[in-house]
Amino acid sequence: MLRMEIALFLILAFVAAVYLSAGRKHTPLHKTFSVLLLAMLAHLIFDGATIYTVNHLDTVPPLLNEILHRFFIGTMVLIVYLFYQYIAILVQEETGKPRRLDFAARLFLAAGELGAALLPVHYAVSPQGNYSDGIHANVCYVCTAFYLFLCVWLLAGSWKQIHPKKKLAIGAALAIEVCVSLLQAFHPTWLISGMGLTLMTMAFYLALENPDILRAELTEQKMSMLYLKSQVNPHFLYNTLDTIRIQAQLNGDKKVADLLMRLVDFFRLSVKVDRQTVALDDELELLEAYMDLMCYRYPELQWEYDIDPDLGGAPVPNFILQPIVENSLLHGLKNKGYRGQVRVSAGRADETHMEIQVMDTGSGFAQGKKEQIDGLLQNYARQPARLEGNSIGILNVQKRIKLLCGRDCGLWYTENEGDGVTAHLLLSLGKEDGK
């Protein structure tokens, strides 16, 4: 059995090294899994040590054996609590529901750790092998059962709202732990609890936390962004070029050169896809070129921006504002004959986030449209990558924000008190990720 614990430790040590060295946003989900990996490594050390000491009761000092067993049980209680926390955070991110069971989970964690530290330790000696039993050993069984119950409760209440891949991973992990716990209970000399916890950890890693999956998602999003940029509304391009052609026929005005220059600027800036993120100033330069062309085409269209000067160099996902502004024009101001205003503002939301707002004075949402958009943005993870359709822009913007800035960031819409709607983009102020 000691050899198995050593093998499990080496496997998880390799997984932890790969996981912790991979570049990623430090979201609550990833932080929890990182702590879980480290706790598992510590637990396997105590597990292996107690497997040895419990089978050498006559040679190992009783105090050392007792201390090791208390740490073994204490780390197991912490790990099953972290499993609950991981699943609770994942369910919250998928559904948007608040975590109402956290207080009970923490209270039980405190009780479990207290029991692991204070309850008397007892050992059973049998021809098949020795093991700890009694009230102290039962702490791990009770805590495991409690946290498994909480996890099942969470899944049952949000089953339809969770992505099928995540449901499969969580369900498989819970089933593994239930089976191993039952086998351990009926055959206490097998000492396989570490194997069950390791298999649960590996199920989450392989299905949900593998860096290769993250890289695949980044590749998918970059391909979607490339497609977006190669398909920038053909009608806009054709109509703008036609406007320039007519203007050229009417006079040899300098405006023609200016329009051509802005169009060239737009193309020059829009094809920069070698980085996932750019400075906010660069993103605004692209937007300015786009809006100058649109305002010339529609003289009664106005736009302005108000940006916190300290945020000009802040990294933002590349090509993120133009699709939002274009959406405001086509679905808001178009119905008013492009008479109105678009206003872009950016400021700090808190110490680690900034908020960009794109406000228009258009016709607002049609009946039922806001609910449809809210559902699309909230359930972005279950939406397949789209290469066509009316919502391709905002869906891809939402996916790239979540991927590059973290699950706590994102895009949402509100209706203005007067006319029009406002798009809100909450972005992180962390270090730039794009290379």
Protein backbone atom coordinates (compact mmCIF):
# COMPACT_ATOMS: atom_id res chain seq x y z
CA MET A 1 0.00 0.00 0.00
CA LEU A 2 2.89 2.36 0.72
CA ARG A 3 4.10 1.93 -2.86
CA MET A 4 0.69 3.00 -4.12
CA GLU A 5 0.80 6.19 -2.04
CA ILE A 6 4.25 7.00 -3.40
CA ALA A 7 3.02 6.46 -6.97
CA LEU A 8 -0.04 8.65 -6.35
CA PHE A 9 2.16 11.38 -4.86
CA LEU A 10 4.49 11.36 -7.88
CA ILE A 11 1.57 11.52 -10.30
CA LEU A 12 -0.06 14.44 -8.49
CA ALA A 13 3.30 16.21 -8.06
CA PHE A 14 3.73 16.11 -11.85
CA VAL A 15 0.16 17.34 -12.38
CA ALA A 16 0.67 20.16 -9.87
CA ALA A 17 3.93 21.21 -11.56
CA VAL A 18 2.25 21.38 -14.97
CA TYR A 19 -0.86 23.11 -13.64
CA LEU A 20 0.84 25.71 -11.47
CA SER A 21 3.39 26.61 -14.16
CA ALA A 22 0.74 27.12 -16.87
CA GLY A 23 -0.20 30.71 -17.62
CA ARG A 24 -3.78 31.41 -16.60
CA LYS A 25 -5.98 33.96 -14.90
CA HIS A 26 -6.11 33.45 -11.14
CA THR A 27 -9.87 33.17 -10.79
CA PRO A 28 -11.49 31.80 -7.60
CA LEU A 29 -11.96 28.46 -9.38
CA HIS A 30 -8.30 28.15 -10.32
CA LYS A 31 -7.12 29.35 -6.91
CA THR A 32 -9.28 26.71 -5.21
CA PHE A 33 -7.96 23.95 -7.45
CA SER A 34 -4.37 25.11 -6.83
CA VAL A 35 -4.89 24.90 -3.05
CA LEU A 36 -6.58 21.51 -3.54
CA LEU A 37 -3.53 20.16 -5.40
CA LEU A 38 -1.15 21.33 -2.67
CA ALA A 39 -3.41 19.95 0.08
CA MET A 40 -3.56 16.60 -1.76
CA LEU A 41 0.23 16.39 -1.90
CA ALA A 42 0.46 17.06 1.85
CA HIS A 43 -2.30 14.53 2.52
CA LEU A 44 -0.57 11.79 0.52
CA ILE A 45 2.60 12.36 2.54
CA PHE A 46 0.68 11.88 5.80
CA ASP A 47 -1.26 8.97 4.26
CA GLY A 48 1.94 7.15 3.33
CA ALA A 49 3.48 7.89 6.72
CA THR A 50 0.47 6.54 8.62
CA ILE A 51 0.32 3.41 6.47
CA TYR A 52 3.83 2.65 7.66
CA THR A 53 3.38 3.65 11.31
CA VAL A 54 0.06 1.87 11.85
CA ASN A 55 1.65 -1.37 10.73
CA HIS A 56 4.67 -0.85 13.02
CA LEU A 57 2.91 0.00 16.27
CA ASP A 58 5.52 -1.86 18.28
CA THR A 59 8.46 0.17 16.95
CA VAL A 60 7.04 3.62 16.21
CA PRO A 61 6.65 5.98 19.20
CA PRO A 62 2.91 6.25 20.05
CA LEU A 63 3.03 10.06 20.16
CA LEU A 64 4.49 10.26 16.62
CA ASN A 65 1.90 7.82 15.33
CA GLU A 66 -0.91 9.83 16.91
CA ILE A 67 0.36 13.17 15.53
CA LEU A 68 0.67 11.74 12.01
CA HIS A 69 -2.85 10.29 12.18
CA ARG A 70 -4.31 13.59 13.33
CA PHE A 71 -2.67 15.39 10.40
CA PHE A 72 -3.84 12.62 8.07
CA ILE A 73 -7.48 13.00 9.15
CA GLY A 74 -7.23 16.81 9.29
CA THR A 75 -5.93 17.12 5.72
CA MET A 76 -8.60 14.72 4.49
CA VAL A 77 -11.32 16.90 6.03
CA LEU A 78 -9.79 19.97 4.36
CA ILE A 79 -9.63 18.22 0.96
CA VAL A 80 -13.26 17.12 0.88
CA TYR A 81 -14.19 20.67 1.92
CA LEU A 82 -12.11 22.03 -0.99
CA PHE A 83 -13.87 19.62 -3.34
CA TYR A 84 -17.17 21.11 -2.20
CA GLN A 85 -15.80 24.65 -2.63
CA TYR A 86 -14.60 23.91 -6.15
CA ILE A 87 -17.97 22.48 -7.19
CA ALA A 88 -19.84 25.34 -5.47
CA ILE A 89 -17.80 27.98 -7.33
CA LEU A 90 -18.24 26.15 -10.62
CA VAL A 91 -22.01 25.90 -10.15
CA GLN A 92 -22.17 29.59 -9.20
CA GLU A 93 -20.27 30.57 -12.35
CA GLU A 94 -22.53 28.41 -14.50
CA THR A 95 -25.84 29.53 -13.01
CA GLY A 96 -25.21 32.90 -11.37
CA LYS A 97 -26.88 31.65 -8.19
CA PRO A 98 -25.40 32.71 -4.80
CA ARG A 99 -23.65 30.06 -2.69
CA ARG A 100 -26.04 29.55 0.21
CA LEU A 101 -24.40 26.45 1.72
CA ASP A 102 -21.00 27.98 2.43
CA PHE A 103 -21.70 28.81 6.07
CA ALA A 104 -22.74 25.23 6.87
CA ALA A 105 -19.71 23.92 4.96
CA ARG A 106 -17.29 26.13 6.90
CA LEU A 107 -18.94 25.30 10.21
CA PHE A 108 -18.60 21.60 9.47
CA LEU A 109 -14.97 22.15 8.43
CA ALA A 110 -14.23 23.73 11.79
CA ALA A 111 -15.99 20.88 13.62
CA GLY A 112 -14.16 18.26 11.55
CA GLU A 113 -10.74 19.80 12.13
CA LEU A 114 -11.49 20.12 15.84
CA GLY A 115 -12.47 16.47 15.98
CA ALA A 116 -9.34 15.44 14.09
CA ALA A 117 -7.21 17.37 16.57
CA LEU A 118 -8.89 16.39 19.87
CA LEU A 119 -10.76 13.08 19.64
CA PRO A 120 -8.93 9.98 20.94
CA VAL A 121 -7.10 7.86 18.36
CA HIS A 122 -7.60 4.09 18.44
CA TYR A 123 -5.98 1.34 16.35
CA ALA A 124 -7.35 -2.04 15.34
CA VAL A 125 -4.93 -4.93 14.92
CA SER A 126 -5.89 -7.82 12.61
CA PRO A 127 -4.13 -10.60 10.70
CA GLN A 128 -4.86 -8.75 7.44
CA GLY A 129 -3.25 -5.54 8.69
CA ASN A 130 -3.66 -2.71 11.18
CA TYR A 131 -5.77 0.42 10.79
CA SER A 132 -7.18 3.29 12.83
CA ASP A 133 -10.81 2.98 13.86
CA GLY A 134 -13.24 4.34 16.42
CA ILE A 135 -14.60 7.86 16.77
CA HIS A 136 -11.45 9.58 15.47
CA ALA A 137 -11.39 7.57 12.23
CA ASN A 138 -15.11 8.15 11.76
CA VAL A 139 -14.47 11.89 11.41
CA CYS A 140 -13.27 11.35 7.83
CA TYR A 141 -16.30 9.21 6.94
CA VAL A 142 -18.78 11.69 8.40
CA CYS A 143 -17.12 14.69 6.73
CA THR A 144 -16.86 12.93 3.37
CA ALA A 145 -20.53 11.95 3.50
CA PHE A 146 -21.56 15.49 4.50
CA TYR A 147 -19.66 17.24 1.73
CA LEU A 148 -20.72 14.68 -0.87
CA PHE A 149 -24.31 15.37 0.16
CA LEU A 150 -23.76 19.13 -0.27
CA CYS A 151 -22.27 18.56 -3.74
CA VAL A 152 -25.17 16.36 -4.82
CA TRP A 153 -27.59 18.98 -3.47
CA LEU A 154 -25.89 21.68 -5.53
CA LEU A 155 -25.98 19.57 -8.69
CA ALA A 156 -29.60 18.55 -8.22
CA GLY A 157 -30.70 22.17 -7.86
CA SER A 158 -28.90 23.38 -10.99
CA TRP A 159 -28.63 20.29 -13.16
CA LYS A 160 -30.19 21.77 -16.31
CA GLN A 161 -28.08 24.93 -16.18
CA ILE A 162 -24.66 23.26 -15.96
CA HIS A 163 -22.63 22.46 -19.06
CA PRO A 164 -22.85 18.71 -19.93
CA LYS A 165 -19.04 18.28 -19.84
CA LYS A 166 -18.88 19.77 -16.35
CA LYS A 167 -21.79 17.67 -15.14
CA LEU A 168 -20.04 14.55 -16.42
CA ALA A 169 -16.76 15.45 -14.72
CA ILE A 170 -18.39 16.26 -11.37
CA GLY A 171 -20.68 13.24 -11.51
CA ALA A 172 -17.79 10.88 -12.30
CA ALA A 173 -15.65 12.35 -9.50
CA LEU A 174 -18.44 12.00 -6.94
CA ALA A 175 -19.23 8.45 -8.06
CA ILE A 176 -15.56 7.48 -7.72
CA GLU A 177 -15.33 8.87 -4.21
CA VAL A 178 -18.58 7.18 -3.11
CA CYS A 179 -17.37 3.80 -4.41
CA VAL A 180 -13.93 4.11 -2.82
CA SER A 181 -15.41 5.28 0.50
CA LEU A 182 -17.77 2.30 0.60
CA LEU A 183 -14.97 -0.13 -0.21
CA GLN A 184 -12.80 1.45 2.51
CA ALA A 185 -15.67 1.22 5.01
CA PHE A 186 -16.31 -2.47 4.31
CA HIS A 187 -12.60 -3.34 4.01
CA PRO A 188 -10.79 -0.99 6.43
CA THR A 189 -7.44 -2.75 5.97
CA TRP A 190 -7.34 -1.81 2.27
CA LEU A 191 -6.35 1.79 3.15
CA ILE A 192 -7.38 3.18 -0.27
CA SER A 193 -8.82 6.55 0.76
CA GLY A 194 -5.88 8.38 -0.84
CA MET A 195 -6.58 6.67 -4.14
CA GLY A 196 -10.19 7.89 -4.12
CA LEU A 197 -9.23 11.49 -3.46
CA THR A 198 -6.50 11.34 -6.10
CA LEU A 199 -8.91 9.98 -8.70
CA MET A 200 -11.38 12.79 -7.89
CA THR A 201 -8.61 15.34 -8.35
CA MET A 202 -7.54 13.78 -11.64
CA ALA A 203 -11.13 13.77 -12.90
CA PHE A 204 -11.36 17.54 -12.35
CA TYR A 205 -7.90 18.13 -13.82
CA LEU A 206 -8.39 16.07 -16.97
CA ALA A 207 -11.91 17.28 -17.74
CA LEU A 208 -11.97 20.87 -16.45
CA GLU A 209 -8.54 22.23 -15.50
CA ASN A 210 -6.12 20.81 -18.08
CA PRO A 211 -3.95 23.62 -19.53
CA ASP A 212 -4.27 21.98 -22.97
CA ILE A 213 -8.03 22.58 -22.81
CA LEU A 214 -7.38 26.22 -21.96
CA ARG A 215 -5.03 26.54 -24.93
CA ALA A 216 -7.62 24.92 -27.19
CA GLU A 217 -10.23 27.43 -26.01
CA LEU A 218 -7.81 30.28 -26.68
CA THR A 219 -7.20 28.93 -30.18
CA GLU A 220 -10.92 28.64 -30.82
CA GLN A 221 -11.51 32.20 -29.65
CA LYS A 222 -8.61 33.53 -31.71
CA MET A 223 -10.03 31.81 -34.80
CA SER A 224 -13.43 33.34 -34.08
CA MET A 225 -11.79 36.75 -33.75
CA LEU A 226 -9.90 36.25 -37.01
CA TYR A 227 -13.15 35.39 -38.73
CA LEU A 228 -14.82 38.45 -37.25
CA LYS A 229 -12.09 40.68 -38.54
CA SER A 230 -12.15 39.13 -41.99
CA GLN A 231 -15.92 39.56 -42.20
CA VAL A 232 -16.30 43.12 -40.87
CA ASN A 233 -19.76 43.99 -42.11
CA PRO A 234 -19.39 43.96 -45.92
CA HIS A 235 -22.30 46.38 -46.23
CA PHE A 236 -20.41 48.93 -44.18
CA LEU A 237 -17.34 48.59 -46.41
CA TYR A 238 -19.27 48.70 -49.67
CA ASN A 239 -21.43 51.65 -48.64
CA THR A 240 -18.45 53.60 -47.33
CA LEU A 241 -16.49 53.05 -50.53
CA ASP A 242 -19.56 54.12 -52.52
CA THR A 243 -19.80 57.28 -50.44
CA ILE A 244 -16.16 58.02 -51.19
CA ARG A 245 -16.70 57.33 -54.90
CA ILE A 246 -19.66 59.70 -55.12
CA GLN A 247 -17.76 62.36 -53.19
CA ALA A 248 -14.82 61.99 -55.57
CA GLN A 249 -17.12 62.51 -58.54
CA LEU A 250 -18.64 65.63 -57.07
CA ASN A 251 -15.42 67.42 -56.13
CA GLY A 252 -11.75 67.04 -55.52
CA ASP A 253 -12.15 67.92 -51.88
CA LYS A 254 -9.51 67.13 -49.25
CA LYS A 255 -12.28 65.23 -47.45
CA VAL A 256 -11.85 62.42 -49.95
CA ALA A 257 -8.25 61.99 -48.91
CA ASP A 258 -9.28 62.15 -45.25
CA LEU A 259 -11.92 59.49 -45.72
CA LEU A 260 -9.52 57.25 -47.57
CA MET A 261 -6.97 57.75 -44.82
CA ARG A 262 -9.47 56.79 -42.11
CA LEU A 263 -10.46 53.71 -44.08
CA VAL A 264 -6.82 52.74 -44.43
CA ASP A 265 -6.35 53.33 -40.68
CA PHE A 266 -9.28 51.11 -39.91
CA PHE A 267 -7.94 48.24 -42.02
CA ARG A 268 -4.42 48.70 -40.70
CA LEU A 269 -5.54 48.53 -37.08
CA SER A 270 -8.17 45.82 -37.49
CA VAL A 271 -5.80 43.23 -38.88
CA LYS A 272 -3.48 43.27 -35.85
CA VAL A 273 -4.21 39.79 -34.55
CA ASP A 274 -0.78 38.77 -33.26
CA ARG A 275 -1.81 39.73 -29.71
CA GLN A 276 -4.76 38.64 -27.62
CA THR A 277 -4.75 41.99 -25.82
CA VAL A 278 -3.89 45.57 -26.81
CA ALA A 279 -3.71 48.88 -24.96
CA LEU A 280 -7.05 50.64 -24.51
CA ASP A 281 -5.66 53.62 -26.47
CA ASP A 282 -5.00 51.35 -29.48
CA GLU A 283 -8.50 49.93 -29.28
CA LEU A 284 -9.94 53.47 -29.19
CA GLU A 285 -7.83 54.46 -32.21
CA LEU A 286 -9.46 51.67 -34.20
CA LEU A 287 -12.90 52.72 -32.95
CA GLU A 288 -12.21 56.35 -33.82
CA ALA A 289 -11.34 55.44 -37.42
CA TYR A 290 -14.55 53.40 -37.68
CA MET A 291 -16.78 56.11 -36.18
CA ASP A 292 -15.25 58.92 -38.27
CA LEU A 293 -16.28 57.01 -41.38
CA MET A 294 -19.75 56.28 -40.02
CA CYS A 295 -20.30 59.91 -38.97
CA TYR A 296 -19.30 61.13 -42.41
CA ARG A 297 -21.71 58.68 -43.99
CA TYR A 298 -24.49 59.69 -41.58
CA PRO A 299 -24.04 63.42 -40.82
CA GLU A 300 -26.63 63.41 -38.00
CA LEU A 301 -24.75 60.69 -36.13
CA GLN A 302 -22.53 61.92 -33.31
CA TRP A 303 -20.09 60.17 -31.03
CA GLU A 304 -17.79 61.09 -28.18
CA TYR A 305 -15.66 59.34 -25.60
CA ASP A 306 -14.58 60.05 -22.05
CA ILE A 307 -11.67 57.88 -20.90
CA ASP A 308 -9.80 58.00 -17.61
CA PRO A 309 -6.29 59.09 -18.70
CA ASP A 310 -4.71 56.61 -16.31
CA LEU A 311 -6.34 53.73 -18.20
CA GLY A 312 -4.99 54.50 -21.66
CA GLY A 313 -2.28 51.88 -21.38
CA ALA A 314 -4.48 49.26 -19.69
CA PRO A 315 -4.62 45.96 -21.64
CA VAL A 316 -8.01 45.02 -23.08
CA PRO A 317 -9.03 42.09 -25.31
CA ASN A 318 -8.21 42.94 -28.92
CA PHE A 319 -11.05 44.10 -31.23
CA ILE A 320 -13.62 44.29 -28.45
CA LEU A 321 -15.24 47.72 -28.78
CA GLN A 322 -15.99 47.94 -32.50
CA PRO A 323 -18.44 44.98 -32.50
CA ILE A 324 -20.28 46.53 -29.52
CA VAL A 325 -20.52 49.97 -31.16
CA GLU A 326 -21.55 48.44 -34.47
CA ASN A 327 -24.27 46.55 -32.63
CA SER A 328 -25.52 49.86 -31.15
CA LEU A 329 -25.69 51.40 -34.61
CA LEU A 330 -27.38 48.50 -36.41
CA HIS A 331 -29.87 47.58 -33.69
CA GLY A 332 -30.48 50.95 -32.07
CA LEU A 333 -29.74 54.00 -34.15
CA LYS A 334 -30.60 52.46 -37.50
CA ASN A 335 -34.29 52.58 -36.60
CA LYS A 336 -33.89 56.34 -36.05
CA GLY A 337 -32.24 56.92 -39.38
CA TYR A 338 -28.83 57.07 -37.65
CA ARG A 339 -29.83 60.25 -35.87
CA GLY A 340 -28.45 60.22 -32.36
CA GLN A 341 -25.35 59.76 -30.30
CA VAL A 342 -22.94 57.05 -29.21
CA ARG A 343 -20.88 57.74 -26.09
CA VAL A 344 -17.99 55.58 -24.92
CA SER A 345 -16.63 56.01 -21.39
CA ALA A 346 -14.09 54.11 -19.32
CA GLY A 347 -13.22 54.36 -15.64
CA ARG A 348 -12.12 52.27 -12.69
CA ALA A 349 -14.76 50.01 -11.16
CA ASP A 350 -12.48 49.11 -8.25
CA GLU A 351 -8.77 48.55 -7.61
CA THR A 352 -8.56 45.53 -9.92
CA HIS A 353 -11.23 46.22 -12.55
CA MET A 354 -12.29 48.88 -15.02
CA GLU A 355 -15.67 49.34 -16.66
CA ILE A 356 -16.21 50.51 -20.23
CA GLN A 357 -19.67 51.73 -21.15
CA VAL A 358 -21.04 52.13 -24.67
CA MET A 359 -24.23 54.20 -24.48
CA ASP A 360 -26.48 54.98 -27.45
CA THR A 361 -29.64 57.05 -27.88
CA GLY A 362 -31.25 54.55 -30.23
CA SER A 363 -34.65 52.91 -30.17
CA GLY A 364 -33.78 50.49 -27.38
CA PHE A 365 -34.65 46.82 -27.17
CA ALA A 366 -37.64 45.36 -28.95
CA GLN A 367 -40.08 43.50 -26.71
CA GLY A 368 -38.46 40.34 -25.36
CA LYS A 369 -35.10 41.09 -26.98
CA LYS A 370 -33.29 42.07 -23.77
CA GLU A 371 -34.24 38.78 -22.10
CA GLN A 372 -32.92 36.94 -25.15
CA ILE A 373 -29.62 38.84 -25.06
CA ASP A 374 -29.30 38.37 -21.27
CA GLY A 375 -29.78 34.62 -21.68
CA LEU A 376 -27.23 34.47 -24.48
CA LEU A 377 -24.58 36.34 -22.48
CA GLN A 378 -25.27 34.52 -19.21
CA ASN A 379 -25.10 31.09 -20.85
CA TYR A 380 -22.16 31.96 -23.11
CA ALA A 381 -20.25 28.79 -22.17
CA ARG A 382 -22.99 26.55 -23.55
CA GLN A 383 -23.22 28.50 -26.81
CA PRO A 384 -21.22 26.99 -29.68
CA ALA A 385 -18.70 29.23 -31.45
CA ARG A 386 -20.68 31.08 -34.11
CA LEU A 387 -19.49 32.23 -37.50
CA GLU A 388 -22.79 33.76 -38.54
CA GLY A 389 -25.93 35.27 -37.04
CA ASN A 390 -26.98 38.56 -35.48
CA SER A 391 -25.33 37.93 -32.13
CA ILE A 392 -21.92 36.74 -33.30
CA GLY A 393 -20.27 40.01 -32.20
CA ILE A 394 -21.47 40.20 -28.61
CA LEU A 395 -21.21 36.43 -28.04
CA ASN A 396 -17.57 36.35 -29.12
CA VAL A 397 -16.85 39.48 -27.10
CA GLN A 398 -18.33 37.80 -24.02
CA LYS A 399 -16.36 34.61 -24.56
CA ARG A 400 -13.08 36.46 -25.01
CA ILE A 401 -13.64 38.62 -21.93
CA LYS A 402 -14.35 35.57 -19.78
CA LEU A 403 -11.36 33.72 -21.18
CA LEU A 404 -8.82 36.55 -21.00
CA CYS A 405 -10.05 38.55 -17.99
CA GLY A 406 -11.69 35.91 -15.79
CA ARG A 407 -15.17 34.66 -14.99
CA ASP A 408 -15.90 37.62 -12.74
CA CYS A 409 -15.64 39.96 -15.75
CA GLY A 410 -18.00 40.16 -18.71
CA LEU A 411 -20.51 42.01 -20.86
CA TRP A 412 -24.09 42.96 -19.98
CA TYR A 413 -26.72 45.46 -21.13
CA THR A 414 -29.01 47.91 -19.36
CA GLU A 415 -31.80 50.09 -20.71
CA ASN A 416 -31.37 53.85 -20.38
CA GLU A 417 -33.93 55.99 -18.60
CA GLY A 418 -34.50 57.90 -21.82
CA ASP A 419 -33.86 56.30 -25.18
CA GLY A 420 -31.38 53.62 -26.08
CA VAL A 421 -29.32 51.08 -24.19
CA THR A 422 -25.92 50.90 -22.53
CA ALA A 423 -23.42 48.07 -22.93
CA HIS A 424 -21.23 47.49 -19.87
CA LEU A 425 -17.87 45.74 -20.18
CA LEU A 426 -16.18 44.84 -16.90
CA LEU A 427 -12.48 44.06 -17.53
CA SER A 428 -9.60 43.16 -15.23
CA LEU A 429 -6.65 45.48 -14.71
CA GLY A 430 -4.17 42.65 -14.44
CA LYS A 431 -1.01 42.16 -16.41
CA GLU A 432 -1.21 41.88 -20.16
CA ASP A 433 -1.54 38.34 -21.38
CA GLY A 434 -1.15 38.71 -25.08
CA LYS A 435 2.29 38.03 -26.55
